[in-house]
């Protein structure tokens, strides 16, 4: 009996030690992946000119292109690095330089960022495009809220800036008749375009954060109205898939026709809507989870995540796409019943970021900041 007891103690000790080693290895492995991808992101996409930094969305031998969307993602990544204390001094400097670039490229007299800028090498010239894009400004505002948490000594300044952006979003990018955000200030003044919804502009966690910052209940109404619109779209198909863009009218929302906005897949689950699992997974409210879970059940039936789908579930392309897979991976991390998708899509983090695909790289890097990425 004493020998059996001794063997049992030795066995439990070895098992406990082995488990601890495995957990340590896993933790170190995820840390290594995160550090490597963040370094790649900085090297491939962040450019600095004096005290201003910007995120390159496209480049060739003659020019660089910057989008408010890319700048918002870059600032959010830097703020998340600060919150997780990953190279905090470097992250703070980078965030401030990215913020400086945003401040220098606001549109007109607003606090909204010009949706696009082109930097010409030979002419040493920057062309700033008119109008704003709502999604980019939403990310910019939220990144400032996160930065205020990361660097309390600058919190007052960052929160004040965020409030100014949010005030102008409500002034220029809000349709009070529908209670929805428009896709940009150009659309708000257009009788037809003001009813156009970009589904990926639905950011439930961020809308709640905007309410807590400003005390303005309109943000809660926007959240409720936009989620209700997504739910109505979700119920139109067994897949629960949502289109990139939809028309919102007095009866029910409908996916737009091909080439309404930018591509023949405007009414499909494509490169805008693919962000929705990431957006919805950050919020624990029942509507967000209901919409998300219906989509996730559809993805659970797939051998791999392809580059887009018709709303009936038919693939648009045969290739495997990390732009679509990364947001789904992020959502799967929050629920063990989607472990299949974690195992299926984890290949994304074993590859180098594609230097010619800013958008995909940004979505992959943002996924690293899920608290369950361990």
Foldseek 3Di string as FASTA:
>chain_A
DVVVVVVVVVVVVVVVVVVVVVVVVLVVVLVVLLVVLVVLQCVQFWDADVQAIFGFQADDPWKTKGFLQRLLLLLLLLLLCLVVVPVNVVSVSNNRRSVVVQCVACADPASAGQGMWMQTDVVRDIDGHHWHFLNSLLSQLVSLCSNCVSDVVCNVVSLVSSLRSVVVQCVQQADVVQLEGFRTNVQCPPPQRNQKDQLLSQQLVSLVVNCVSPVDCSSVSRNVSSLVLLVQQLVVEQLLFFFRMWGCDPPHIAFDAAPPDHGRRRRWCALRVLLLLQRLLVDPDPSSVVSNVSNLVNVLPDLAADHTAGRNRHDPDDDGALSNLLSSLLSCLVDVVSVVSVVRRVVVSVDHDDSRHSNSSSSNSVSSSRPSSD
